[in-house]
PDB file of N, CA and C in Angstrom:
ATOM      1  N   MET A   1       0.849  -1.172   0.000  1.00  0.00           N
ATOM      2  CA  MET A   1       0.000   0.000   0.000  1.00  0.00           C
ATOM      3  C   MET A   1       0.900   1.242   0.000  1.00  0.00           C
ATOM      4  N   PRO A   2       0.680   2.151  -0.941  1.00  0.00           N
ATOM      5  CA  PRO A   2       1.523   3.344  -0.994  1.00  0.00           C
ATOM      6  C   PRO A   2       1.297   4.256   0.208  1.00  0.00           C
ATOM      7  N   LYS A   3       2.290   5.052   0.498  1.00  0.00           N
ATOM      8  CA  LYS A   3       2.199   6.018   1.593  1.00  0.00           C
ATOM      9  C   LYS A   3       2.407   7.423   1.045  1.00  0.00           C
ATOM     10  N   LEU A   4       1.507   8.322   1.409  1.00  0.00           N
ATOM     11  CA  LEU A   4       1.615   9.724   1.016  1.00  0.00           C
ATOM     12  C   LEU A   4       2.075  10.523   2.231  1.00  0.00           C
ATOM     13  N   ILE A   5       3.343  10.361   2.555  1.00  0.00           N
ATOM     14  CA  ILE A   5       3.925  10.930   3.775  1.00  0.00           C
ATOM     15  C   ILE A   5       3.900  12.453   3.764  1.00  0.00           C
ATOM     16  N   ASN A   6       4.241  13.057   2.638  1.00  0.00           N
ATOM     17  CA  ASN A   6       4.268  14.519   2.572  1.00  0.00           C
ATOM     18  C   ASN A   6       2.874  15.121   2.704  1.00  0.00           C
ATOM     19  N   SER A   7       1.887  14.457   2.122  1.00  0.00           N
ATOM     20  CA  SER A   7       0.509  14.944   2.241  1.00  0.00           C
ATOM     21  C   SER A   7       0.043  14.889   3.688  1.00  0.00           C
ATOM     22  N   LEU A   8       0.357  13.796   4.373  1.00  0.00           N
ATOM     23  CA  LEU A   8      -0.008  13.685   5.782  1.00  0.00           C
ATOM     24  C   LEU A   8       0.691  14.766   6.599  1.00  0.00           C
ATOM     25  N   ARG A   9       1.955  15.010   6.302  1.00  0.00           N
ATOM     26  CA  ARG A   9       2.708  16.053   7.004  1.00  0.00           C
ATOM     27  C   ARG A   9       2.043  17.422   6.832  1.00  0.00           C
ATOM     28  N   ASP A  10       1.503  17.686   5.643  1.00  0.00           N
ATOM     29  CA  ASP A  10       0.913  18.989   5.345  1.00  0.00           C
ATOM     30  C   ASP A  10      -0.580  19.076   5.644  1.00  0.00           C
ATOM     31  N   TRP A  11      -1.145  18.018   6.229  1.00  0.00           N
ATOM     32  CA  TRP A  11      -2.565  18.034   6.584  1.00  0.00           C
ATOM     33  C   TRP A  11      -2.842  19.227   7.504  1.00  0.00           C
ATOM     34  N   ASN A  12      -3.951  19.874   7.316  1.00  0.00           N
ATOM     35  CA  ASN A  12      -4.379  21.059   8.076  1.00  0.00           C
ATOM     36  C   ASN A  12      -3.465  22.261   7.859  1.00  0.00           C
ATOM     37  N   THR A  13      -2.829  22.325   6.690  1.00  0.00           N
ATOM     38  CA  THR A  13      -2.076  23.514   6.302  1.00  0.00           C
ATOM     39  C   THR A  13      -2.597  23.993   4.946  1.00  0.00           C
ATOM     40  N   ASP A  14      -2.182  25.185   4.563  1.00  0.00           N
ATOM     41  CA  ASP A  14      -2.596  25.746   3.276  1.00  0.00           C
ATOM     42  C   ASP A  14      -2.003  25.001   2.082  1.00  0.00           C
ATOM     43  N   THR A  15      -0.976  24.204   2.317  1.00  0.00           N
ATOM     44  CA  THR A  15      -0.305  23.523   1.209  1.00  0.00           C
ATOM     45  C   THR A  15      -0.760  22.072   1.009  1.00  0.00           C
ATOM     46  N   PHE A  16      -1.717  21.613   1.801  1.00  0.00           N
ATOM     47  CA  PHE A  16      -2.137  20.211   1.715  1.00  0.00           C
ATOM     48  C   PHE A  16      -2.554  19.810   0.300  1.00  0.00           C
ATOM     49  N   THR A  17      -3.468  20.535  -0.324  1.00  0.00           N
ATOM     50  CA  THR A  17      -3.967  20.117  -1.641  1.00  0.00           C
ATOM     51  C   THR A  17      -2.860  20.166  -2.696  1.00  0.00           C
ATOM     52  N   LYS A  18      -1.986  21.146  -2.609  1.00  0.00           N
ATOM     53  CA  LYS A  18      -0.865  21.230  -3.556  1.00  0.00           C
ATOM     54  C   LYS A  18       0.078  20.039  -3.375  1.00  0.00           C
ATOM     55  N   THR A  19       0.376  19.704  -2.125  1.00  0.00           N
ATOM     56  CA  THR A  19       1.265  18.573  -1.840  1.00  0.00           C
ATOM     57  C   THR A  19       0.632  17.264  -2.292  1.00  0.00           C
ATOM     58  N   LEU A  20      -0.649  17.077  -1.998  1.00  0.00           N
ATOM     59  CA  LEU A  20      -1.350  15.857  -2.407  1.00  0.00           C
ATOM     60  C   LEU A  20      -1.363  15.727  -3.926  1.00  0.00           C
ATOM     61  N   LYS A  21      -1.706  16.796  -4.608  1.00  0.00           N
ATOM     62  CA  LYS A  21      -1.710  16.800  -6.079  1.00  0.00           C
ATOM     63  C   LYS A  21      -0.337  16.399  -6.609  1.00  0.00           C
ATOM     64  N   ASN A  22       0.707  16.967  -6.059  1.00  0.00           N
ATOM     65  CA  ASN A  22       2.075  16.667  -6.489  1.00  0.00           C
ATOM     66  C   ASN A  22       2.422  15.190  -6.252  1.00  0.00           C
ATOM     67  N   GLU A  23       2.068  14.678  -5.069  1.00  0.00           N
ATOM     68  CA  GLU A  23       2.381  13.271  -4.777  1.00  0.00           C
ATOM     69  C   GLU A  23       1.609  12.329  -5.695  1.00  0.00           C
ATOM     70  N   LEU A  24       0.343  12.632  -5.962  1.00  0.00           N
ATOM     71  CA  LEU A  24      -0.451  11.780  -6.845  1.00  0.00           C
ATOM     72  C   LEU A  24       0.115  11.795  -8.261  1.00  0.00           C
ATOM     73  N   GLU A  25       0.474  12.971  -8.748  1.00  0.00           N
ATOM     74  CA  GLU A  25       0.973  13.081 -10.118  1.00  0.00           C
ATOM     75  C   GLU A  25       2.356  12.460 -10.308  1.00  0.00           C
ATOM     76  N   ASN A  26       3.062  12.241  -9.222  1.00  0.00           N
ATOM     77  CA  ASN A  26       4.411  11.683  -9.314  1.00  0.00           C
ATOM     78  C   ASN A  26       4.528  10.270  -8.749  1.00  0.00           C
ATOM     79  N   MET A  27       3.394   9.597  -8.609  1.00  0.00           N
ATOM     80  CA  MET A  27       3.421   8.223  -8.123  1.00  0.00           C
ATOM     81  C   MET A  27       4.039   7.310  -9.183  1.00  0.00           C
ATOM     82  N   GLN A  28       4.589   6.218  -8.716  1.00  0.00           N
ATOM     83  CA  GLN A  28       5.155   5.214  -9.620  1.00  0.00           C
ATOM     84  C   GLN A  28       4.057   4.702 -10.552  1.00  0.00           C
ATOM     85  N   ALA A  29       4.400   4.529 -11.814  1.00  0.00           N
ATOM     86  CA  ALA A  29       3.439   4.019 -12.792  1.00  0.00           C
ATOM     87  C   ALA A  29       2.812   2.721 -12.293  1.00  0.00           C
ATOM     88  N   GLY A  30       1.519   2.585 -12.500  1.00  0.00           N
ATOM     89  CA  GLY A  30       0.804   1.380 -12.095  1.00  0.00           C
ATOM     90  C   GLY A  30       0.261   1.413 -10.682  1.00  0.00           C
ATOM     91  N   THR A  31       0.550   2.451  -9.913  1.00  0.00           N
ATOM     92  CA  THR A  31       0.087   2.523  -8.525  1.00  0.00           C
ATOM     93  C   THR A  31      -1.401   2.841  -8.443  1.00  0.00           C
ATOM     94  N   LEU A  32      -1.854   3.803  -9.222  1.00  0.00           N
ATOM     95  CA  LEU A  32      -3.277   4.153  -9.219  1.00  0.00           C
ATOM     96  C   LEU A  32      -4.061   3.115 -10.019  1.00  0.00           C
ATOM     97  N   PRO A  33      -5.277   2.777  -9.580  1.00  0.00           N
ATOM     98  CA  PRO A  33      -6.062   1.731 -10.261  1.00  0.00           C
ATOM     99  C   PRO A  33      -6.761   2.237 -11.527  1.00  0.00           C
ATOM    100  N   LEU A  34      -6.027   2.895 -12.397  1.00  0.00           N
ATOM    101  CA  LEU A  34      -6.615   3.489 -13.591  1.00  0.00           C
ATOM    102  C   LEU A  34      -7.075   2.448 -14.599  1.00  0.00           C
ATOM    103  N   ASP A  35      -6.581   1.226 -14.488  1.00  0.00           N
ATOM    104  CA  ASP A  35      -7.027   0.162 -15.385  1.00  0.00           C
ATOM    105  C   ASP A  35      -8.524  -0.107 -15.219  1.00  0.00           C
ATOM    106  N   LYS A  36      -9.085   0.271 -14.088  1.00  0.00           N
ATOM    107  CA  LYS A  36     -10.521   0.093 -13.849  1.00  0.00           C
ATOM    108  C   LYS A  36     -11.337   1.229 -14.469  1.00  0.00           C
ATOM    109  N   CYS A  37     -10.649   2.211 -15.047  1.00  0.00           N
ATOM    110  CA  CYS A  37     -11.314   3.399 -15.575  1.00  0.00           C
ATOM    111  C   CYS A  37     -11.299   3.490 -17.094  1.00  0.00           C
ATOM    112  N   VAL A  38     -10.656   2.559 -17.763  1.00  0.00           N
ATOM    113  CA  VAL A  38     -10.591   2.656 -19.223  1.00  0.00           C
ATOM    114  C   VAL A  38     -11.981   2.436 -19.808  1.00  0.00           C
ATOM    115  N   ALA A  39     -12.338   3.266 -20.778  1.00  0.00           N
ATOM    116  CA  ALA A  39     -13.681   3.221 -21.345  1.00  0.00           C
ATOM    117  C   ALA A  39     -13.752   2.411 -22.632  1.00  0.00           C
ATOM    118  N   GLN A  40     -12.590   2.209 -23.289  1.00  0.00           N
ATOM    119  CA  GLN A  40     -12.599   1.560 -24.588  1.00  0.00           C
ATOM    120  C   GLN A  40     -11.798   0.264 -24.606  1.00  0.00           C
ATOM    121  N   GLY A  41     -11.516  -0.271 -23.428  1.00  0.00           N
ATOM    122  CA  GLY A  41     -10.787  -1.531 -23.345  1.00  0.00           C
ATOM    123  C   GLY A  41      -9.315  -1.412 -23.659  1.00  0.00           C
ATOM    124  N   GLY A  42      -8.810  -0.202 -23.617  1.00  0.00           N
ATOM    125  CA  GLY A  42      -7.412   0.025 -23.945  1.00  0.00           C
ATOM    126  C   GLY A  42      -6.493  -0.160 -22.750  1.00  0.00           C
ATOM    127  N   MET A  43      -5.245   0.209 -22.973  1.00  0.00           N
ATOM    128  CA  MET A  43      -4.234   0.142 -21.923  1.00  0.00           C
ATOM    129  C   MET A  43      -4.031   1.538 -21.341  1.00  0.00           C
ATOM    130  N   VAL A  44      -3.590   1.583 -20.100  1.00  0.00           N
ATOM    131  CA  VAL A  44      -3.357   2.846 -19.413  1.00  0.00           C
ATOM    132  C   VAL A  44      -1.932   3.314 -19.656  1.00  0.00           C
ATOM    133  N   ASP A  45      -1.811   4.574 -20.033  1.00  0.00           N
ATOM    134  CA  ASP A  45      -0.511   5.234 -20.056  1.00  0.00           C
ATOM    135  C   ASP A  45      -0.565   6.275 -18.942  1.00  0.00           C
ATOM    136  N   ASP A  46       0.015   5.917 -17.795  1.00  0.00           N
ATOM    137  CA  ASP A  46      -0.024   6.841 -16.657  1.00  0.00           C
ATOM    138  C   ASP A  46       1.328   7.510 -16.434  1.00  0.00           C
ATOM    139  N   SER A  47       2.089   7.641 -17.518  1.00  0.00           N
ATOM    140  CA  SER A  47       3.394   8.289 -17.399  1.00  0.00           C
ATOM    141  C   SER A  47       3.261   9.790 -17.196  1.00  0.00           C
ATOM    142  N   SER A  48       2.112  10.329 -17.541  1.00  0.00           N
ATOM    143  CA  SER A  48       1.860  11.756 -17.341  1.00  0.00           C
ATOM    144  C   SER A  48       0.388  11.932 -16.998  1.00  0.00           C
ATOM    145  N   ILE A  49       0.106  12.069 -15.705  1.00  0.00           N
ATOM    146  CA  ILE A  49      -1.279  12.257 -15.269  1.00  0.00           C
ATOM    147  C   ILE A  49      -1.432  13.656 -14.669  1.00  0.00           C
ATOM    148  N   THR A  50      -2.672  14.101 -14.602  1.00  0.00           N
ATOM    149  CA  THR A  50      -3.005  15.358 -13.937  1.00  0.00           C
ATOM    150  C   THR A  50      -4.081  15.056 -12.912  1.00  0.00           C
ATOM    151  N   ALA A  51      -3.843  15.479 -11.681  1.00  0.00           N
ATOM    152  CA  ALA A  51      -4.807  15.256 -10.603  1.00  0.00           C
ATOM    153  C   ALA A  51      -5.504  16.566 -10.261  1.00  0.00           C
ATOM    154  N   THR A  52      -6.798  16.472 -10.008  1.00  0.00           N
ATOM    155  CA  THR A  52      -7.590  17.611  -9.577  1.00  0.00           C
ATOM    156  C   THR A  52      -8.270  17.233  -8.269  1.00  0.00           C
ATOM    157  N   ILE A  53      -8.065  18.033  -7.238  1.00  0.00           N
ATOM    158  CA  ILE A  53      -8.697  17.772  -5.937  1.00  0.00           C
ATOM    159  C   ILE A  53     -10.121  18.308  -6.001  1.00  0.00           C
ATOM    160  N   LEU A  54     -11.109  17.420  -5.819  1.00  0.00           N
ATOM    161  CA  LEU A  54     -12.515  17.797  -5.913  1.00  0.00           C
ATOM    162  C   LEU A  54     -13.132  18.109  -4.553  1.00  0.00           C
ATOM    163  N   SER A  55     -12.775  17.329  -3.536  1.00  0.00           N
ATOM    164  CA  SER A  55     -13.288  17.579  -2.185  1.00  0.00           C
ATOM    165  C   SER A  55     -12.402  16.887  -1.162  1.00  0.00           C
ATOM    166  N   VAL A  56     -12.418  17.419   0.051  1.00  0.00           N
ATOM    167  CA  VAL A  56     -11.617  16.873   1.146  1.00  0.00           C
ATOM    168  C   VAL A  56     -12.507  16.783   2.371  1.00  0.00           C
ATOM    169  N   SER A  57     -12.437  15.642   3.072  1.00  0.00           N
ATOM    170  CA  SER A  57     -13.188  15.524   4.326  1.00  0.00           C
ATOM    171  C   SER A  57     -12.313  14.873   5.390  1.00  0.00           C
ATOM    172  N   ASP A  58     -12.494  15.339   6.603  1.00  0.00           N
ATOM    173  CA  ASP A  58     -11.719  14.880   7.752  1.00  0.00           C
ATOM    174  C   ASP A  58     -12.540  13.843   8.508  1.00  0.00           C
ATOM    175  N   LYS A  59     -12.079  12.630   8.491  1.00  0.00           N
ATOM    176  CA  LYS A  59     -12.708  11.559   9.261  1.00  0.00           C
ATOM    177  C   LYS A  59     -11.869  11.330  10.511  1.00  0.00           C
ATOM    178  N   LYS A  60     -12.369  10.562  11.427  1.00  0.00           N
ATOM    179  CA  LYS A  60     -11.658  10.355  12.697  1.00  0.00           C
ATOM    180  C   LYS A  60     -10.243   9.810  12.501  1.00  0.00           C
ATOM    181  N   ALA A  61     -10.103   8.749  11.734  1.00  0.00           N
ATOM    182  CA  ALA A  61      -8.797   8.092  11.576  1.00  0.00           C
ATOM    183  C   ALA A  61      -8.155   8.320  10.220  1.00  0.00           C
ATOM    184  N   ALA A  62      -8.876   8.997   9.315  1.00  0.00           N
ATOM    185  CA  ALA A  62      -8.356   9.139   7.959  1.00  0.00           C
ATOM    186  C   ALA A  62      -8.786  10.459   7.326  1.00  0.00           C
ATOM    187  N   ILE A  63      -8.090  10.804   6.288  1.00  0.00           N
ATOM    188  CA  ILE A  63      -8.454  11.939   5.442  1.00  0.00           C
ATOM    189  C   ILE A  63      -9.004  11.334   4.157  1.00  0.00           C
ATOM    190  N   GLN A  64     -10.202  11.759   3.762  1.00  0.00           N
ATOM    191  CA  GLN A  64     -10.782  11.249   2.526  1.00  0.00           C
ATOM    192  C   GLN A  64     -10.838  12.382   1.511  1.00  0.00           C
ATOM    193  N   VAL A  65     -10.320  12.086   0.337  1.00  0.00           N
ATOM    194  CA  VAL A  65     -10.237  13.087  -0.714  1.00  0.00           C
ATOM    195  C   VAL A  65     -10.806  12.505  -2.001  1.00  0.00           C
ATOM    196  N   LYS A  66     -11.725  13.226  -2.605  1.00  0.00           N
ATOM    197  CA  LYS A  66     -12.218  12.832  -3.925  1.00  0.00           C
ATOM    198  C   LYS A  66     -11.356  13.571  -4.940  1.00  0.00           C
ATOM    199  N   VAL A  67     -10.777  12.812  -5.864  1.00  0.00           N
ATOM    200  CA  VAL A  67      -9.895  13.393  -6.872  1.00  0.00           C
ATOM    201  C   VAL A  67     -10.339  12.982  -8.272  1.00  0.00           C
ATOM    202  N   GLY A  68     -10.067  13.840  -9.218  1.00  0.00           N
ATOM    203  CA  GLY A  68     -10.241  13.532 -10.627  1.00  0.00           C
ATOM    204  C   GLY A  68      -8.861  13.329 -11.224  1.00  0.00           C
ATOM    205  N   ILE A  69      -8.701  12.294 -12.007  1.00  0.00           N
ATOM    206  CA  ILE A  69      -7.414  11.986 -12.621  1.00  0.00           C
ATOM    207  C   ILE A  69      -7.576  11.982 -14.141  1.00  0.00           C
ATOM    208  N   PHE A  70      -6.800  12.814 -14.804  1.00  0.00           N
ATOM    209  CA  PHE A  70      -6.738  12.830 -16.262  1.00  0.00           C
ATOM    210  C   PHE A  70      -5.518  12.010 -16.673  1.00  0.00           C
ATOM    211  N   PHE A  71      -5.707  11.093 -17.616  1.00  0.00           N
ATOM    212  CA  PHE A  71      -4.620  10.237 -18.078  1.00  0.00           C
ATOM    213  C   PHE A  71      -4.860   9.877 -19.535  1.00  0.00           C
ATOM    214  N   THR A  72      -3.989   9.063 -20.099  1.00  0.00           N
ATOM    215  CA  THR A  72      -4.125   8.649 -21.493  1.00  0.00           C
ATOM    216  C   THR A  72      -4.458   7.166 -21.559  1.00  0.00           C
ATOM    217  N   GLU A  73      -5.461   6.853 -22.356  1.00  0.00           N
ATOM    218  CA  GLU A  73      -5.803   5.461 -22.644  1.00  0.00           C
ATOM    219  C   GLU A  73      -5.307   5.161 -24.057  1.00  0.00           C
ATOM    220  N   ILE A  74      -4.573   4.081 -24.199  1.00  0.00           N
ATOM    221  CA  ILE A  74      -4.069   3.674 -25.511  1.00  0.00           C
ATOM    222  C   ILE A  74      -5.025   2.625 -26.073  1.00  0.00           C
ATOM    223  N   VAL A  75      -5.733   2.998 -27.125  1.00  0.00           N
ATOM    224  CA  VAL A  75      -6.695   2.091 -27.761  1.00  0.00           C
ATOM    225  C   VAL A  75      -5.997   1.405 -28.928  1.00  0.00           C
ATOM    226  N   ILE A  76      -6.015   0.085 -28.905  1.00  0.00           N
ATOM    227  CA  ILE A  76      -5.331  -0.712 -29.921  1.00  0.00           C
ATOM    228  C   ILE A  76      -6.358  -1.403 -30.808  1.00  0.00           C
ATOM    229  N   ASN A  77      -6.031  -1.475 -32.107  1.00  0.00           N
ATOM    230  CA  ASN A  77      -6.870  -2.157 -33.085  1.00  0.00           C
ATOM    231  C   ASN A  77      -8.271  -1.561 -33.140  1.00  0.00           C
ATOM    232  N   CYS A  78      -8.316  -0.253 -33.225  1.00  0.00           N
ATOM    233  CA  CYS A  78      -9.618   0.416 -33.303  1.00  0.00           C
ATOM    234  C   CYS A  78     -10.069   0.598 -34.747  1.00  0.00           C
ATOM    235  N   GLY A  79      -9.250   0.148 -35.687  1.00  0.00           N
ATOM    236  CA  GLY A  79      -9.602   0.289 -37.088  1.00  0.00           C
ATOM    237  C   GLY A  79      -9.295   1.677 -37.618  1.00  0.00           C
ATOM    238  N   CYS A  80      -8.547   2.420 -36.863  1.00  0.00           N
ATOM    239  CA  CYS A  80      -8.194   3.789 -37.246  1.00  0.00           C
ATOM    240  C   CYS A  80      -6.886   3.779 -38.013  1.00  0.00           C
ATOM    241  N   GLY A  81      -6.598   4.845 -38.682  1.00  0.00           N
ATOM    242  CA  GLY A  81      -5.327   4.966 -39.378  1.00  0.00           C
ATOM    243  C   GLY A  81      -4.168   5.177 -38.419  1.00  0.00           C
ATOM    244  N   ASP A  82      -4.451   5.633 -37.205  1.00  0.00           N
ATOM    245  CA  ASP A  82      -3.415   5.918 -36.209  1.00  0.00           C
ATOM    246  C   ASP A  82      -3.394   4.866 -35.111  1.00  0.00           C
ATOM    247  N   ASP A  83      -3.461   3.595 -35.487  1.00  0.00           N
ATOM    248  CA  ASP A  83      -3.508   2.514 -34.505  1.00  0.00           C
ATOM    249  C   ASP A  83      -2.098   2.193 -34.022  1.00  0.00           C
ATOM    250  N   PRO A  84      -1.785   2.109 -32.739  1.00  0.00           N
ATOM    251  CA  PRO A  84      -2.651   2.400 -31.597  1.00  0.00           C
ATOM    252  C   PRO A  84      -2.881   3.901 -31.436  1.00  0.00           C
ATOM    253  N   MET A  85      -4.012   4.212 -30.855  1.00  0.00           N
ATOM    254  CA  MET A  85      -4.439   5.596 -30.776  1.00  0.00           C
ATOM    255  C   MET A  85      -4.513   6.051 -29.313  1.00  0.00           C
ATOM    256  N   PRO A  86      -3.747   7.092 -28.936  1.00  0.00           N
ATOM    257  CA  PRO A  86      -3.872   7.638 -27.587  1.00  0.00           C
ATOM    258  C   PRO A  86      -5.152   8.461 -27.477  1.00  0.00           C
ATOM    259  N   THR A  87      -5.875   8.256 -26.379  1.00  0.00           N
ATOM    260  CA  THR A  87      -7.139   8.937 -26.142  1.00  0.00           C
ATOM    261  C   THR A  87      -7.130   9.542 -24.744  1.00  0.00           C
ATOM    262  N   ASN A  88      -7.618  10.754 -24.630  1.00  0.00           N
ATOM    263  CA  ASN A  88      -7.727  11.369 -23.310  1.00  0.00           C
ATOM    264  C   ASN A  88      -8.758  10.618 -22.480  1.00  0.00           C
ATOM    265  N   ALA A  89      -8.446  10.405 -21.209  1.00  0.00           N
ATOM    266  CA  ALA A  89      -9.346   9.671 -20.322  1.00  0.00           C
ATOM    267  C   ALA A  89      -9.424  10.393 -18.978  1.00  0.00           C
ATOM    268  N   TYR A  90     -10.500  10.113 -18.241  1.00  0.00           N
ATOM    269  CA  TYR A  90     -10.741  10.749 -16.947  1.00  0.00           C
ATOM    270  C   TYR A  90     -11.353   9.739 -16.004  1.00  0.00           C
ATOM    271  N   CYS A  91     -10.986   9.847 -14.740  1.00  0.00           N
ATOM    272  CA  CYS A  91     -11.484   8.926 -13.727  1.00  0.00           C
ATOM    273  C   CYS A  91     -11.606   9.683 -12.404  1.00  0.00           C
ATOM    274  N   GLU A  92     -12.620   9.382 -11.623  1.00  0.00           N
ATOM    275  CA  GLU A  92     -12.737   9.929 -10.276  1.00  0.00           C
ATOM    276  C   GLU A  92     -12.533   8.813  -9.276  1.00  0.00           C
ATOM    277  N   MET A  93     -11.795   9.122  -8.223  1.00  0.00           N
ATOM    278  CA  MET A  93     -11.546   8.129  -7.190  1.00  0.00           C
ATOM    279  C   MET A  93     -11.507   8.781  -5.823  1.00  0.00           C
ATOM    280  N   GLN A  94     -11.739   7.962  -4.831  1.00  0.00           N
ATOM    281  CA  GLN A  94     -11.615   8.407  -3.445  1.00  0.00           C
ATOM    282  C   GLN A  94     -10.268   7.934  -2.924  1.00  0.00           C
ATOM    283  N   VAL A  95      -9.516   8.871  -2.392  1.00  0.00           N
ATOM    284  CA  VAL A  95      -8.228   8.587  -1.786  1.00  0.00           C
ATOM    285  C   VAL A  95      -8.430   8.622  -0.281  1.00  0.00           C
ATOM    286  N   THR A  96      -8.103   7.539   0.408  1.00  0.00           N
ATOM    287  CA  THR A  96      -8.226   7.480   1.863  1.00  0.00           C
ATOM    288  C   THR A  96      -6.828   7.383   2.449  1.00  0.00           C
ATOM    289  N   LEU A  97      -6.456   8.419   3.189  1.00  0.00           N
ATOM    290  CA  LEU A  97      -5.117   8.551   3.756  1.00  0.00           C
ATOM    291  C   LEU A  97      -5.190   8.359   5.267  1.00  0.00           C
ATOM    292  N   ASP A  98      -4.592   7.271   5.749  1.00  0.00           N
ATOM    293  CA  ASP A  98      -4.582   6.963   7.187  1.00  0.00           C
ATOM    294  C   ASP A  98      -3.768   8.017   7.927  1.00  0.00           C
ATOM    295  N   LYS A  99      -4.361   8.628   8.941  1.00  0.00           N
ATOM    296  CA  LYS A  99      -3.701   9.707   9.680  1.00  0.00           C
ATOM    297  C   LYS A  99      -2.536   9.235  10.537  1.00  0.00           C
ATOM    298  N   THR A 100      -2.454   7.962  10.825  1.00  0.00           N
ATOM    299  CA  THR A 100      -1.369   7.441  11.661  1.00  0.00           C
ATOM    300  C   THR A 100      -0.197   6.935  10.838  1.00  0.00           C
ATOM    301  N   THR A 101      -0.487   6.175   9.790  1.00  0.00           N
ATOM    302  CA  THR A 101       0.570   5.490   9.036  1.00  0.00           C
ATOM    303  C   THR A 101       0.885   6.118   7.675  1.00  0.00           C
ATOM    304  N   ALA A 102       0.018   6.992   7.178  1.00  0.00           N
ATOM    305  CA  ALA A 102       0.115   7.586   5.842  1.00  0.00           C
ATOM    306  C   ALA A 102      -0.177   6.577   4.735  1.00  0.00           C
ATOM    307  N   GLU A 103      -0.586   5.352   5.098  1.00  0.00           N
ATOM    308  CA  GLU A 103      -0.963   4.367   4.088  1.00  0.00           C
ATOM    309  C   GLU A 103      -2.202   4.877   3.362  1.00  0.00           C
ATOM    310  N   THR A 104      -2.229   4.632   2.066  1.00  0.00           N
ATOM    311  CA  THR A 104      -3.248   5.231   1.221  1.00  0.00           C
ATOM    312  C   THR A 104      -3.958   4.177   0.384  1.00  0.00           C
ATOM    313  N   ALA A 105      -5.283   4.253   0.379  1.00  0.00           N
ATOM    314  CA  ALA A 105      -6.102   3.359  -0.433  1.00  0.00           C
ATOM    315  C   ALA A 105      -6.803   4.187  -1.514  1.00  0.00           C
ATOM    316  N   PHE A 106      -7.021   3.561  -2.679  1.00  0.00           N
ATOM    317  CA  PHE A 106      -7.667   4.226  -3.793  1.00  0.00           C
ATOM    318  C   PHE A 106      -8.884   3.418  -4.206  1.00  0.00           C
ATOM    319  N   ASP A 107     -10.045   4.075  -4.282  1.00  0.00           N
ATOM    320  CA  ASP A 107     -11.273   3.416  -4.696  1.00  0.00           C
ATOM    321  C   ASP A 107     -11.925   4.237  -5.808  1.00  0.00           C
ATOM    322  N   ILE A 108     -12.288   3.567  -6.884  1.00  0.00           N
ATOM    323  CA  ILE A 108     -12.959   4.229  -7.993  1.00  0.00           C
ATOM    324  C   ILE A 108     -14.375   4.584  -7.556  1.00  0.00           C
ATOM    325  N   VAL A 109     -14.815   5.801  -7.887  1.00  0.00           N
ATOM    326  CA  VAL A 109     -16.182   6.220  -7.540  1.00  0.00           C
ATOM    327  C   VAL A 109     -16.974   6.540  -8.790  1.00  0.00           C
TER     328      VAL A 109
END
């Protein structure tokens, strides 16, 4: 389970959303469950993603954040002249950040 240590450190500060966005956008490829978000059965190219913080809520033991993730889906054998074809894709997920350990879970919403 990945840990967002810097985001936890910046919790309850003005820089929390900026730090979280930065950590999400720089995660190791394959960490986010974007394969569950492909719309055309393609492959995920998460080498360059953009995260948007949609909402933040403070729970007793965790911080819950709804985020939007923009990424590229590679569609193969679509019958197009540009096969494989990169396509813009979007996914919303809930990020749950444990306040004690910084362990982070991702759930598609």
